[in-house]
PDB file of N, CA and C in Angstrom:
ATOM      1  N   MET A   1     -92.124 -72.921 183.043  1.00  0.00           N
ATOM      2  CA  MET A   1     -92.595 -72.832 184.465  1.00  0.00           C
ATOM      3  C   MET A   1     -91.448 -72.259 185.370  1.00  0.00           C
ATOM      4  N   ILE A   2     -91.881 -71.316 186.096  1.00  0.00           N
ATOM      5  CA  ILE A   2     -90.901 -70.755 187.195  1.00  0.00           C
ATOM      6  C   ILE A   2     -91.044 -71.586 188.416  1.00  0.00           C
ATOM      7  N   ARG A   3     -90.003 -71.899 189.102  1.00  0.00           N
ATOM      8  CA  ARG A   3     -90.080 -72.538 190.390  1.00  0.00           C
ATOM      9  C   ARG A   3     -89.238 -71.642 191.263  1.00  0.00           C
ATOM     10  N   TRP A   4     -89.786 -71.277 192.372  1.00  0.00           N
ATOM     11  CA  TRP A   4     -89.094 -70.438 193.321  1.00  0.00           C
ATOM     12  C   TRP A   4     -88.465 -71.204 194.443  1.00  0.00           C
ATOM     13  N   GLY A   5     -87.306 -70.833 194.775  1.00  0.00           N
ATOM     14  CA  GLY A   5     -86.618 -71.424 196.051  1.00  0.00           C
ATOM     15  C   GLY A   5     -86.269 -70.409 197.052  1.00  0.00           C
ATOM     16  N   ASN A   6     -85.535 -70.789 198.054  1.00  0.00           N
ATOM     17  CA  ASN A   6     -85.157 -69.895 199.066  1.00  0.00           C
ATOM     18  C   ASN A   6     -84.100 -68.815 198.678  1.00  0.00           C
ATOM     19  N   LYS A   7     -83.349 -69.186 197.587  1.00  0.00           N
ATOM     20  CA  LYS A   7     -82.210 -68.269 197.176  1.00  0.00           C
ATOM     21  C   LYS A   7     -82.487 -67.713 195.756  1.00  0.00           C
ATOM     22  N   GLY A   8     -83.438 -68.055 195.008  1.00  0.00           N
ATOM     23  CA  GLY A   8     -83.715 -67.623 193.731  1.00  0.00           C
ATOM     24  C   GLY A   8     -84.735 -68.397 192.972  1.00  0.00           C
ATOM     25  N   PHE A   9     -84.661 -68.560 191.707  1.00  0.00           N
ATOM     26  CA  PHE A   9     -85.683 -69.140 190.876  1.00  0.00           C
ATOM     27  C   PHE A   9     -85.025 -70.077 189.812  1.00  0.00           C
ATOM     28  N   SER A  10     -85.854 -70.938 189.208  1.00  0.00           N
ATOM     29  CA  SER A  10     -85.310 -71.760 188.112  1.00  0.00           C
ATOM     30  C   SER A  10     -86.560 -71.707 187.038  1.00  0.00           C
ATOM     31  N   LEU A  11     -86.061 -71.663 185.771  1.00  0.00           N
ATOM     32  CA  LEU A  11     -87.010 -71.869 184.767  1.00  0.00           C
ATOM     33  C   LEU A  11     -86.872 -73.328 184.268  1.00  0.00           C
ATOM     34  N   ASN A  12     -88.123 -73.892 184.251  1.00  0.00           N
ATOM     35  CA  ASN A  12     -88.195 -75.383 183.955  1.00  0.00           C
ATOM     36  C   ASN A  12     -89.163 -75.716 182.767  1.00  0.00           C
ATOM     37  N   VAL A  13     -88.916 -76.740 182.204  1.00  0.00           N
ATOM     38  CA  VAL A  13     -89.941 -77.299 181.275  1.00  0.00           C
ATOM     39  C   VAL A  13     -90.370 -78.600 182.019  1.00  0.00           C
ATOM     40  N   GLN A  14     -91.627 -78.611 182.027  1.00  0.00           N
ATOM     41  CA  GLN A  14     -92.358 -79.721 182.704  1.00  0.00           C
ATOM     42  C   GLN A  14     -93.030 -80.603 181.655  1.00  0.00           C
ATOM     43  N   GLU A  15     -92.842 -81.841 181.842  1.00  0.00           N
ATOM     44  CA  GLU A  15     -93.567 -82.826 181.090  1.00  0.00           C
ATOM     45  C   GLU A  15     -93.934 -83.973 182.067  1.00  0.00           C
ATOM     46  N   GLU A  16     -95.209 -84.070 182.356  1.00  0.00           N
ATOM     47  CA  GLU A  16     -95.617 -85.025 183.449  1.00  0.00           C
ATOM     48  C   GLU A  16     -94.853 -84.816 184.741  1.00  0.00           C
ATOM     49  N   ASN A  17     -94.167 -85.817 185.191  1.00  0.00           N
ATOM     50  CA  ASN A  17     -93.376 -85.614 186.527  1.00  0.00           C
ATOM     51  C   ASN A  17     -91.903 -85.192 186.250  1.00  0.00           C
ATOM     52  N   VAL A  18     -91.574 -84.820 185.093  1.00  0.00           N
ATOM     53  CA  VAL A  18     -90.206 -84.511 184.855  1.00  0.00           C
ATOM     54  C   VAL A  18     -90.094 -83.013 184.689  1.00  0.00           C
ATOM     55  N   PHE A  19     -89.096 -82.448 185.477  1.00  0.00           N
ATOM     56  CA  PHE A  19     -88.807 -81.032 185.477  1.00  0.00           C
ATOM     57  C   PHE A  19     -87.349 -80.809 184.932  1.00  0.00           C
ATOM     58  N   VAL A  20     -87.205 -79.986 183.837  1.00  0.00           N
ATOM     59  CA  VAL A  20     -85.835 -79.830 183.275  1.00  0.00           C
ATOM     60  C   VAL A  20     -85.494 -78.418 183.662  1.00  0.00           C
ATOM     61  N   GLY A  21     -84.664 -78.093 184.558  1.00  0.00           N
ATOM     62  CA  GLY A  21     -84.269 -76.708 184.907  1.00  0.00           C
ATOM     63  C   GLY A  21     -83.258 -76.252 183.973  1.00  0.00           C
ATOM     64  N   PHE A  22     -83.567 -75.329 183.082  1.00  0.00           N
ATOM     65  CA  PHE A  22     -82.498 -74.907 182.133  1.00  0.00           C
ATOM     66  C   PHE A  22     -82.006 -73.420 182.306  1.00  0.00           C
ATOM     67  N   LEU A  23     -82.453 -72.845 183.311  1.00  0.00           N
ATOM     68  CA  LEU A  23     -81.982 -71.403 183.704  1.00  0.00           C
ATOM     69  C   LEU A  23     -82.227 -71.180 185.201  1.00  0.00           C
ATOM     70  N   PHE A  24     -81.204 -70.528 185.751  1.00  0.00           N
ATOM     71  CA  PHE A  24     -81.334 -70.295 187.222  1.00  0.00           C
ATOM     72  C   PHE A  24     -81.091 -68.824 187.470  1.00  0.00           C
ATOM     73  N   GLY A  25     -81.894 -68.157 188.310  1.00  0.00           N
ATOM     74  CA  GLY A  25     -81.634 -66.739 188.565  1.00  0.00           C
ATOM     75  C   GLY A  25     -81.442 -66.473 190.121  1.00  0.00           C
ATOM     76  N   TYR A  26     -80.550 -65.586 190.417  1.00  0.00           N
ATOM     77  CA  TYR A  26     -80.225 -65.411 191.813  1.00  0.00           C
ATOM     78  C   TYR A  26     -80.242 -63.757 192.121  1.00  0.00           C
ATOM     79  N   PRO A  27     -80.691 -63.412 193.289  1.00  0.00           N
ATOM     80  CA  PRO A  27     -80.695 -62.024 193.658  1.00  0.00           C
ATOM     81  C   PRO A  27     -79.317 -61.498 194.054  1.00  0.00           C
ATOM     82  N   LEU A  28     -79.167 -60.256 194.348  1.00  0.00           N
ATOM     83  CA  LEU A  28     -77.851 -59.603 194.575  1.00  0.00           C
ATOM     84  C   LEU A  28     -77.217 -60.157 195.844  1.00  0.00           C
ATOM     85  N   ASP A  29     -77.969 -60.467 196.908  1.00  0.00           N
ATOM     86  CA  ASP A  29     -77.364 -60.836 198.167  1.00  0.00           C
ATOM     87  C   ASP A  29     -77.093 -62.334 198.325  1.00  0.00           C
ATOM     88  N   CYS A  30     -76.868 -63.068 197.227  1.00  0.00           N
ATOM     89  CA  CYS A  30     -76.563 -64.457 197.364  1.00  0.00           C
ATOM     90  C   CYS A  30     -75.166 -64.723 196.920  1.00  0.00           C
ATOM     91  N   PRO A  31     -74.573 -65.863 197.155  1.00  0.00           N
ATOM     92  CA  PRO A  31     -73.163 -66.253 196.849  1.00  0.00           C
ATOM     93  C   PRO A  31     -72.865 -65.971 195.292  1.00  0.00           C
ATOM     94  N   TYR A  32     -73.859 -66.149 194.445  1.00  0.00           N
ATOM     95  CA  TYR A  32     -73.657 -65.962 192.996  1.00  0.00           C
ATOM     96  C   TYR A  32     -73.823 -64.572 192.518  1.00  0.00           C
ATOM     97  N   SER A  33     -74.127 -63.647 193.459  1.00  0.00           N
ATOM     98  CA  SER A  33     -74.554 -62.294 193.181  1.00  0.00           C
ATOM     99  C   SER A  33     -75.750 -62.307 192.289  1.00  0.00           C
ATOM    100  N   GLN A  34     -76.124 -61.002 191.906  1.00  0.00           N
ATOM    101  CA  GLN A  34     -77.387 -60.917 190.979  1.00  0.00           C
ATOM    102  C   GLN A  34     -76.935 -61.561 189.618  1.00  0.00           C
ATOM    103  N   SER A  35     -77.431 -62.613 189.297  1.00  0.00           N
ATOM    104  CA  SER A  35     -77.015 -63.292 188.130  1.00  0.00           C
ATOM    105  C   SER A  35     -77.990 -64.380 187.544  1.00  0.00           C
ATOM    106  N   VAL A  36     -77.750 -64.752 186.360  1.00  0.00           N
ATOM    107  CA  VAL A  36     -78.522 -65.797 185.643  1.00  0.00           C
ATOM    108  C   VAL A  36     -77.430 -66.916 185.254  1.00  0.00           C
ATOM    109  N   ILE A  37     -77.752 -68.209 185.496  1.00  0.00           N
ATOM    110  CA  ILE A  37     -76.881 -69.270 185.199  1.00  0.00           C
ATOM    111  C   ILE A  37     -77.518 -70.364 184.395  1.00  0.00           C
ATOM    112  N   THR A  38     -76.910 -70.880 183.386  1.00  0.00           N
ATOM    113  CA  THR A  38     -77.463 -71.835 182.556  1.00  0.00           C
ATOM    114  C   THR A  38     -77.692 -73.161 183.342  1.00  0.00           C
ATOM    115  N   GLY A  39     -78.506 -74.024 182.768  1.00  0.00           N
ATOM    116  CA  GLY A  39     -78.610 -75.341 183.309  1.00  0.00           C
ATOM    117  C   GLY A  39     -78.353 -76.497 182.285  1.00  0.00           C
ATOM    118  N   PHE A  40     -77.128 -76.374 181.732  1.00  0.00           N
ATOM    119  CA  PHE A  40     -76.792 -77.441 180.704  1.00  0.00           C
ATOM    120  C   PHE A  40     -76.795 -78.896 181.264  1.00  0.00           C
ATOM    121  N   LYS A  41     -76.372 -79.030 182.559  1.00  0.00           N
ATOM    122  CA  LYS A  41     -76.293 -80.358 183.055  1.00  0.00           C
ATOM    123  C   LYS A  41     -77.737 -80.903 183.221  1.00  0.00           C
ATOM    124  N   GLN A  42     -78.617 -80.114 183.730  1.00  0.00           N
ATOM    125  CA  GLN A  42     -80.039 -80.618 183.806  1.00  0.00           C
ATOM    126  C   GLN A  42     -80.543 -80.985 182.458  1.00  0.00           C
ATOM    127  N   ILE A  43     -80.245 -80.288 181.480  1.00  0.00           N
ATOM    128  CA  ILE A  43     -80.740 -80.736 180.048  1.00  0.00           C
ATOM    129  C   ILE A  43     -80.058 -82.026 179.727  1.00  0.00           C
ATOM    130  N   GLU A  44     -78.762 -82.154 180.035  1.00  0.00           N
ATOM    131  CA  GLU A  44     -78.054 -83.439 179.750  1.00  0.00           C
ATOM    132  C   GLU A  44     -78.659 -84.517 180.425  1.00  0.00           C
ATOM    133  N   LYS A  45     -78.935 -84.400 181.761  1.00  0.00           N
ATOM    134  CA  LYS A  45     -79.390 -85.468 182.515  1.00  0.00           C
ATOM    135  C   LYS A  45     -80.807 -85.880 182.153  1.00  0.00           C
ATOM    136  N   LYS A  46     -81.679 -84.919 181.710  1.00  0.00           N
ATOM    137  CA  LYS A  46     -83.098 -85.356 181.657  1.00  0.00           C
ATOM    138  C   LYS A  46     -83.611 -85.307 180.288  1.00  0.00           C
ATOM    139  N   THR A  47     -82.832 -85.086 179.277  1.00  0.00           N
ATOM    140  CA  THR A  47     -83.418 -84.948 177.868  1.00  0.00           C
ATOM    141  C   THR A  47     -82.450 -85.937 176.977  1.00  0.00           C
ATOM    142  N   PRO A  48     -83.342 -86.736 176.224  1.00  0.00           N
ATOM    143  CA  PRO A  48     -82.688 -87.824 175.366  1.00  0.00           C
ATOM    144  C   PRO A  48     -81.509 -87.277 174.532  1.00  0.00           C
ATOM    145  N   ASP A  49     -81.805 -86.312 173.530  1.00  0.00           N
ATOM    146  CA  ASP A  49     -80.833 -85.773 172.570  1.00  0.00           C
ATOM    147  C   ASP A  49     -80.309 -84.430 173.134  1.00  0.00           C
ATOM    148  N   SER A  50     -79.708 -84.509 174.178  1.00  0.00           N
ATOM    149  CA  SER A  50     -79.272 -83.284 174.899  1.00  0.00           C
ATOM    150  C   SER A  50     -78.317 -82.440 174.057  1.00  0.00           C
ATOM    151  N   SER A  51     -77.361 -83.087 173.481  1.00  0.00           N
ATOM    152  CA  SER A  51     -76.267 -82.334 172.849  1.00  0.00           C
ATOM    153  C   SER A  51     -76.653 -81.482 171.854  1.00  0.00           C
ATOM    154  N   THR A  52     -77.747 -81.688 170.991  1.00  0.00           N
ATOM    155  CA  THR A  52     -78.194 -80.776 170.105  1.00  0.00           C
ATOM    156  C   THR A  52     -78.920 -79.597 170.734  1.00  0.00           C
ATOM    157  N   ILE A  53     -79.561 -79.735 171.755  1.00  0.00           N
ATOM    158  CA  ILE A  53     -80.248 -78.758 172.586  1.00  0.00           C
ATOM    159  C   ILE A  53     -79.270 -77.859 173.132  1.00  0.00           C
ATOM    160  N   ILE A  54     -78.261 -78.354 173.853  1.00  0.00           N
ATOM    161  CA  ILE A  54     -77.268 -77.661 174.606  1.00  0.00           C
ATOM    162  C   ILE A  54     -76.299 -76.898 173.589  1.00  0.00           C
ATOM    163  N   GLY A  55     -76.070 -77.618 172.451  1.00  0.00           N
ATOM    164  CA  GLY A  55     -75.241 -76.866 171.496  1.00  0.00           C
ATOM    165  C   GLY A  55     -76.052 -75.601 170.942  1.00  0.00           C
ATOM    166  N   TYR A  56     -77.259 -75.763 170.628  1.00  0.00           N
ATOM    167  CA  TYR A  56     -78.014 -74.551 170.228  1.00  0.00           C
ATOM    168  C   TYR A  56     -78.122 -73.448 171.335  1.00  0.00           C
ATOM    169  N   TYR A  57     -78.405 -73.921 172.506  1.00  0.00           N
ATOM    170  CA  TYR A  57     -78.656 -72.918 173.584  1.00  0.00           C
ATOM    171  C   TYR A  57     -77.304 -72.138 173.925  1.00  0.00           C
ATOM    172  N   LYS A  58     -76.220 -72.943 174.104  1.00  0.00           N
ATOM    173  CA  LYS A  58     -74.930 -72.303 174.453  1.00  0.00           C
ATOM    174  C   LYS A  58     -74.421 -71.377 173.392  1.00  0.00           C
ATOM    175  N   SER A  59     -74.438 -71.846 172.076  1.00  0.00           N
ATOM    176  CA  SER A  59     -73.896 -71.016 170.990  1.00  0.00           C
ATOM    177  C   SER A  59     -74.736 -69.813 170.848  1.00  0.00           C
ATOM    178  N   GLU A  60     -76.120 -69.888 170.906  1.00  0.00           N
ATOM    179  CA  GLU A  60     -76.874 -68.686 170.848  1.00  0.00           C
ATOM    180  C   GLU A  60     -76.736 -67.562 171.913  1.00  0.00           C
ATOM    181  N   ILE A  61     -76.653 -68.080 173.192  1.00  0.00           N
ATOM    182  CA  ILE A  61     -76.539 -67.082 174.259  1.00  0.00           C
ATOM    183  C   ILE A  61     -75.060 -66.441 174.261  1.00  0.00           C
ATOM    184  N   GLN A  62     -74.092 -67.276 173.853  1.00  0.00           N
ATOM    185  CA  GLN A  62     -72.740 -66.731 173.794  1.00  0.00           C
ATOM    186  C   GLN A  62     -72.712 -65.608 172.799  1.00  0.00           C
ATOM    187  N   LYS A  63     -73.457 -65.576 171.730  1.00  0.00           N
ATOM    188  CA  LYS A  63     -73.453 -64.445 170.736  1.00  0.00           C
ATOM    189  C   LYS A  63     -74.065 -63.173 171.335  1.00  0.00           C
ATOM    190  N   LEU A  64     -74.648 -63.364 172.405  1.00  0.00           N
ATOM    191  CA  LEU A  64     -75.279 -62.110 172.977  1.00  0.00           C
ATOM    192  C   LEU A  64     -74.275 -61.280 173.812  1.00  0.00           C
ATOM    193  N   ASP A  65     -73.117 -61.975 174.111  1.00  0.00           N
ATOM    194  CA  ASP A  65     -72.068 -61.434 174.871  1.00  0.00           C
ATOM    195  C   ASP A  65     -72.612 -60.789 176.237  1.00  0.00           C
ATOM    196  N   LEU A  66     -73.468 -61.652 176.853  1.00  0.00           N
ATOM    197  CA  LEU A  66     -73.902 -61.395 178.326  1.00  0.00           C
ATOM    198  C   LEU A  66     -73.419 -62.314 179.253  1.00  0.00           C
ATOM    199  N   PHE A  67     -73.323 -63.535 178.824  1.00  0.00           N
ATOM    200  CA  PHE A  67     -72.825 -64.676 179.638  1.00  0.00           C
ATOM    201  C   PHE A  67     -71.367 -64.840 179.425  1.00  0.00           C
ATOM    202  N   THR A  68     -70.657 -64.168 180.348  1.00  0.00           N
ATOM    203  CA  THR A  68     -69.197 -64.076 180.159  1.00  0.00           C
ATOM    204  C   THR A  68     -68.360 -64.897 181.044  1.00  0.00           C
ATOM    205  N   GLU A  69     -68.925 -65.547 182.073  1.00  0.00           N
ATOM    206  CA  GLU A  69     -68.252 -66.289 182.947  1.00  0.00           C
ATOM    207  C   GLU A  69     -68.570 -67.760 182.903  1.00  0.00           C
ATOM    208  N   ASN A  70     -67.550 -68.617 182.964  1.00  0.00           N
ATOM    209  CA  ASN A  70     -67.749 -69.994 183.182  1.00  0.00           C
ATOM    210  C   ASN A  70     -67.688 -70.340 184.713  1.00  0.00           C
ATOM    211  N   VAL A  71     -68.751 -70.913 185.189  1.00  0.00           N
ATOM    212  CA  VAL A  71     -68.776 -71.219 186.600  1.00  0.00           C
ATOM    213  C   VAL A  71     -68.898 -72.742 186.801  1.00  0.00           C
ATOM    214  N   GLY A  72     -68.491 -73.234 187.997  1.00  0.00           N
ATOM    215  CA  GLY A  72     -68.730 -74.455 188.480  1.00  0.00           C
ATOM    216  C   GLY A  72     -69.930 -74.442 189.358  1.00  0.00           C
ATOM    217  N   PHE A  73     -71.131 -74.783 188.698  1.00  0.00           N
ATOM    218  CA  PHE A  73     -72.407 -74.616 189.403  1.00  0.00           C
ATOM    219  C   PHE A  73     -72.887 -76.020 189.722  1.00  0.00           C
ATOM    220  N   PHE A  74     -72.889 -76.289 190.971  1.00  0.00           N
ATOM    221  CA  PHE A  74     -73.253 -77.616 191.543  1.00  0.00           C
ATOM    222  C   PHE A  74     -72.293 -78.618 190.912  1.00  0.00           C
ATOM    223  N   GLY A  75     -70.939 -78.268 190.740  1.00  0.00           N
ATOM    224  CA  GLY A  75     -69.875 -79.055 190.169  1.00  0.00           C
ATOM    225  C   GLY A  75     -70.023 -79.142 188.673  1.00  0.00           C
ATOM    226  N   ASN A  76     -70.846 -78.490 188.044  1.00  0.00           N
ATOM    227  CA  ASN A  76     -70.881 -78.601 186.511  1.00  0.00           C
ATOM    228  C   ASN A  76     -70.528 -77.323 185.778  1.00  0.00           C
ATOM    229  N   PRO A  77     -69.881 -77.435 184.673  1.00  0.00           N
ATOM    230  CA  PRO A  77     -69.549 -76.111 183.888  1.00  0.00           C
ATOM    231  C   PRO A  77     -70.765 -75.502 183.320  1.00  0.00           C
ATOM    232  N   GLU A  78     -71.066 -74.283 183.672  1.00  0.00           N
ATOM    233  CA  GLU A  78     -72.115 -73.610 183.114  1.00  0.00           C
ATOM    234  C   GLU A  78     -71.783 -72.104 182.856  1.00  0.00           C
ATOM    235  N   LEU A  79     -72.559 -71.476 182.172  1.00  0.00           N
ATOM    236  CA  LEU A  79     -72.314 -69.986 181.711  1.00  0.00           C
ATOM    237  C   LEU A  79     -73.059 -69.080 182.819  1.00  0.00           C
ATOM    238  N   LYS A  80     -72.486 -68.075 183.110  1.00  0.00           N
ATOM    239  CA  LYS A  80     -73.087 -67.107 184.097  1.00  0.00           C
ATOM    240  C   LYS A  80     -73.160 -65.743 183.444  1.00  0.00           C
ATOM    241  N   TRP A  81     -74.357 -65.050 183.549  1.00  0.00           N
ATOM    242  CA  TRP A  81     -74.524 -63.691 183.295  1.00  0.00           C
ATOM    243  C   TRP A  81     -74.541 -62.933 184.554  1.00  0.00           C
ATOM    244  N   LEU A  82     -73.530 -62.145 184.911  1.00  0.00           N
ATOM    245  CA  LEU A  82     -73.554 -61.312 186.064  1.00  0.00           C
ATOM    246  C   LEU A  82     -74.265 -60.011 185.669  1.00  0.00           C
ATOM    247  N   ILE A  83     -75.393 -59.804 186.316  1.00  0.00           N
ATOM    248  CA  ILE A  83     -76.197 -58.684 185.951  1.00  0.00           C
ATOM    249  C   ILE A  83     -75.743 -57.418 186.762  1.00  0.00           C
ATOM    250  N   ASN A  84     -74.866 -56.789 186.070  1.00  0.00           N
ATOM    251  CA  ASN A  84     -74.293 -55.538 186.712  1.00  0.00           C
ATOM    252  C   ASN A  84     -74.030 -54.371 185.724  1.00  0.00           C
ATOM    253  N   ARG A  85     -74.765 -54.396 184.611  1.00  0.00           N
ATOM    254  CA  ARG A  85     -74.656 -53.301 183.663  1.00  0.00           C
ATOM    255  C   ARG A  85     -76.058 -53.256 182.829  1.00  0.00           C
ATOM    256  N   PRO A  86     -76.332 -52.133 182.277  1.00  0.00           N
ATOM    257  CA  PRO A  86     -77.637 -52.124 181.453  1.00  0.00           C
ATOM    258  C   PRO A  86     -77.473 -52.924 180.259  1.00  0.00           C
ATOM    259  N   VAL A  87     -78.563 -53.403 179.783  1.00  0.00           N
ATOM    260  CA  VAL A  87     -78.649 -54.182 178.600  1.00  0.00           C
ATOM    261  C   VAL A  87     -79.723 -53.626 177.604  1.00  0.00           C
ATOM    262  N   ASN A  88     -79.414 -53.526 176.374  1.00  0.00           N
ATOM    263  CA  ASN A  88     -80.499 -52.930 175.352  1.00  0.00           C
ATOM    264  C   ASN A  88     -81.580 -53.963 175.227  1.00  0.00           C
ATOM    265  N   GLN A  89     -82.811 -53.323 174.725  1.00  0.00           N
ATOM    266  CA  GLN A  89     -83.902 -54.173 174.569  1.00  0.00           C
ATOM    267  C   GLN A  89     -83.795 -55.139 173.494  1.00  0.00           C
ATOM    268  N   GLU A  90     -82.953 -54.988 172.461  1.00  0.00           N
ATOM    269  CA  GLU A  90     -82.760 -55.877 171.417  1.00  0.00           C
ATOM    270  C   GLU A  90     -82.119 -57.113 171.974  1.00  0.00           C
ATOM    271  N   LYS A  91     -81.114 -57.019 172.880  1.00  0.00           N
ATOM    272  CA  LYS A  91     -80.500 -58.231 173.449  1.00  0.00           C
ATOM    273  C   LYS A  91     -81.493 -58.933 174.263  1.00  0.00           C
ATOM    274  N   ILE A  92     -82.329 -58.270 175.111  1.00  0.00           N
ATOM    275  CA  ILE A  92     -83.277 -58.915 175.905  1.00  0.00           C
ATOM    276  C   ILE A  92     -84.265 -59.631 175.142  1.00  0.00           C
ATOM    277  N   ASP A  93     -84.770 -59.052 174.061  1.00  0.00           N
ATOM    278  CA  ASP A  93     -85.752 -59.687 173.179  1.00  0.00           C
ATOM    279  C   ASP A  93     -85.103 -60.968 172.635  1.00  0.00           C
ATOM    280  N   ARG A  94     -83.871 -60.879 172.162  1.00  0.00           N
ATOM    281  CA  ARG A  94     -83.188 -62.017 171.541  1.00  0.00           C
ATOM    282  C   ARG A  94     -82.914 -63.159 172.552  1.00  0.00           C
ATOM    283  N   PHE A  95     -82.579 -62.738 173.747  1.00  0.00           N
ATOM    284  CA  PHE A  95     -82.454 -63.741 174.838  1.00  0.00           C
ATOM    285  C   PHE A  95     -83.788 -64.452 175.084  1.00  0.00           C
ATOM    286  N   MET A  96     -84.899 -63.732 175.164  1.00  0.00           N
ATOM    287  CA  MET A  96     -86.187 -64.316 175.279  1.00  0.00           C
ATOM    288  C   MET A  96     -86.616 -65.299 174.217  1.00  0.00           C
ATOM    289  N   ASP A  97     -86.261 -64.972 173.008  1.00  0.00           N
ATOM    290  CA  ASP A  97     -86.388 -65.862 171.816  1.00  0.00           C
ATOM    291  C   ASP A  97     -85.649 -67.072 171.975  1.00  0.00           C
ATOM    292  N   ILE A  98     -84.323 -67.023 172.452  1.00  0.00           N
ATOM    293  CA  ILE A  98     -83.595 -68.199 172.654  1.00  0.00           C
ATOM    294  C   ILE A  98     -84.120 -69.128 173.708  1.00  0.00           C
ATOM    295  N   LEU A  99     -84.610 -68.617 174.784  1.00  0.00           N
ATOM    296  CA  LEU A  99     -85.275 -69.242 175.848  1.00  0.00           C
ATOM    297  C   LEU A  99     -86.454 -70.092 175.343  1.00  0.00           C
ATOM    298  N   ALA A 100     -87.357 -69.389 174.424  1.00  0.00           N
ATOM    299  CA  ALA A 100     -88.530 -69.913 173.893  1.00  0.00           C
ATOM    300  C   ALA A 100     -88.178 -71.031 173.061  1.00  0.00           C
ATOM    301  N   GLU A 101     -87.136 -70.862 172.225  1.00  0.00           N
ATOM    302  CA  GLU A 101     -86.713 -71.908 171.231  1.00  0.00           C
ATOM    303  C   GLU A 101     -86.160 -73.233 172.039  1.00  0.00           C
ATOM    304  N   THR A 102     -85.358 -72.892 173.181  1.00  0.00           N
ATOM    305  CA  THR A 102     -84.844 -73.926 173.987  1.00  0.00           C
ATOM    306  C   THR A 102     -85.980 -74.698 174.553  1.00  0.00           C
ATOM    307  N   VAL A 103     -86.997 -74.140 175.090  1.00  0.00           N
ATOM    308  CA  VAL A 103     -88.070 -74.748 175.718  1.00  0.00           C
ATOM    309  C   VAL A 103     -88.796 -75.669 174.547  1.00  0.00           C
ATOM    310  N   LYS A 104     -89.014 -75.067 173.431  1.00  0.00           N
ATOM    311  CA  LYS A 104     -89.609 -75.898 172.388  1.00  0.00           C
ATOM    312  C   LYS A 104     -88.798 -77.207 172.105  1.00  0.00           C
ATOM    313  N   LYS A 105     -87.474 -76.991 171.932  1.00  0.00           N
ATOM    314  CA  LYS A 105     -86.542 -78.178 171.697  1.00  0.00           C
ATOM    315  C   LYS A 105     -86.692 -79.258 172.833  1.00  0.00           C
ATOM    316  N   ILE A 106     -86.697 -78.691 174.061  1.00  0.00           N
ATOM    317  CA  ILE A 106     -86.657 -79.634 175.219  1.00  0.00           C
ATOM    318  C   ILE A 106     -88.086 -80.385 175.268  1.00  0.00           C
ATOM    319  N   LYS A 107     -89.163 -79.710 174.939  1.00  0.00           N
ATOM    320  CA  LYS A 107     -90.403 -80.386 174.880  1.00  0.00           C
ATOM    321  C   LYS A 107     -90.561 -81.342 173.873  1.00  0.00           C
ATOM    322  N   GLN A 108     -89.967 -81.099 172.664  1.00  0.00           N
ATOM    323  CA  GLN A 108     -89.953 -82.002 171.534  1.00  0.00           C
ATOM    324  C   GLN A 108     -89.307 -83.343 171.937  1.00  0.00           C
ATOM    325  N   GLN A 109     -88.151 -83.195 172.712  1.00  0.00           N
ATOM    326  CA  GLN A 109     -87.407 -84.477 173.118  1.00  0.00           C
ATOM    327  C   GLN A 109     -88.154 -85.126 174.145  1.00  0.00           C
ATOM    328  N   LEU A 110     -88.749 -84.550 175.079  1.00  0.00           N
ATOM    329  CA  LEU A 110     -89.598 -85.204 176.199  1.00  0.00           C
ATOM    330  C   LEU A 110     -90.778 -85.874 175.736  1.00  0.00           C
ATOM    331  N   THR A 111     -91.346 -85.410 174.661  1.00  0.00           N
ATOM    332  CA  THR A 111     -92.551 -85.997 174.106  1.00  0.00           C
ATOM    333  C   THR A 111     -92.419 -87.118 173.009  1.00  0.00           C
ATOM    334  N   ASN A 112     -91.086 -87.236 172.586  1.00  0.00           N
ATOM    335  CA  ASN A 112     -90.772 -88.284 171.598  1.00  0.00           C
ATOM    336  C   ASN A 112     -90.564 -89.587 172.237  1.00  0.00           C
TER     337      ASN A 112
END
C-alpha cells in the first residue's frame, strides 16, 4: 500500500489497523533530496520477529549497491538510496523482488 504525504510517500504493509512503513520516498526538492530510505525501525516496532525480516531486507538491498548512505532518519539508523544516477533494469527488478519478499515476510508475522 502506498501512502502519500506532503513531502513524499511510504510503502506500507497493512493488516487490519496496523500499518508497517518499510520504505519511504522523497522528491528532489526536499531535505533528503530525491531518495528512497528504508524503514527498519518501523518493522522493528510493529512486527513480532523483526530481526529476521530486517536481516533479510538489509542484506539483500546492500547487495544491490544502491543504498550507499547510512542516515539518521527520525533518529533511527536507516539506509538511503540517493537517486542521482541511472540504474539498470536488472537491479530495479531485483529491488522489486526484495520488496515483494519483504512484504510477504511482514504479512506472515502480522497474521501469526
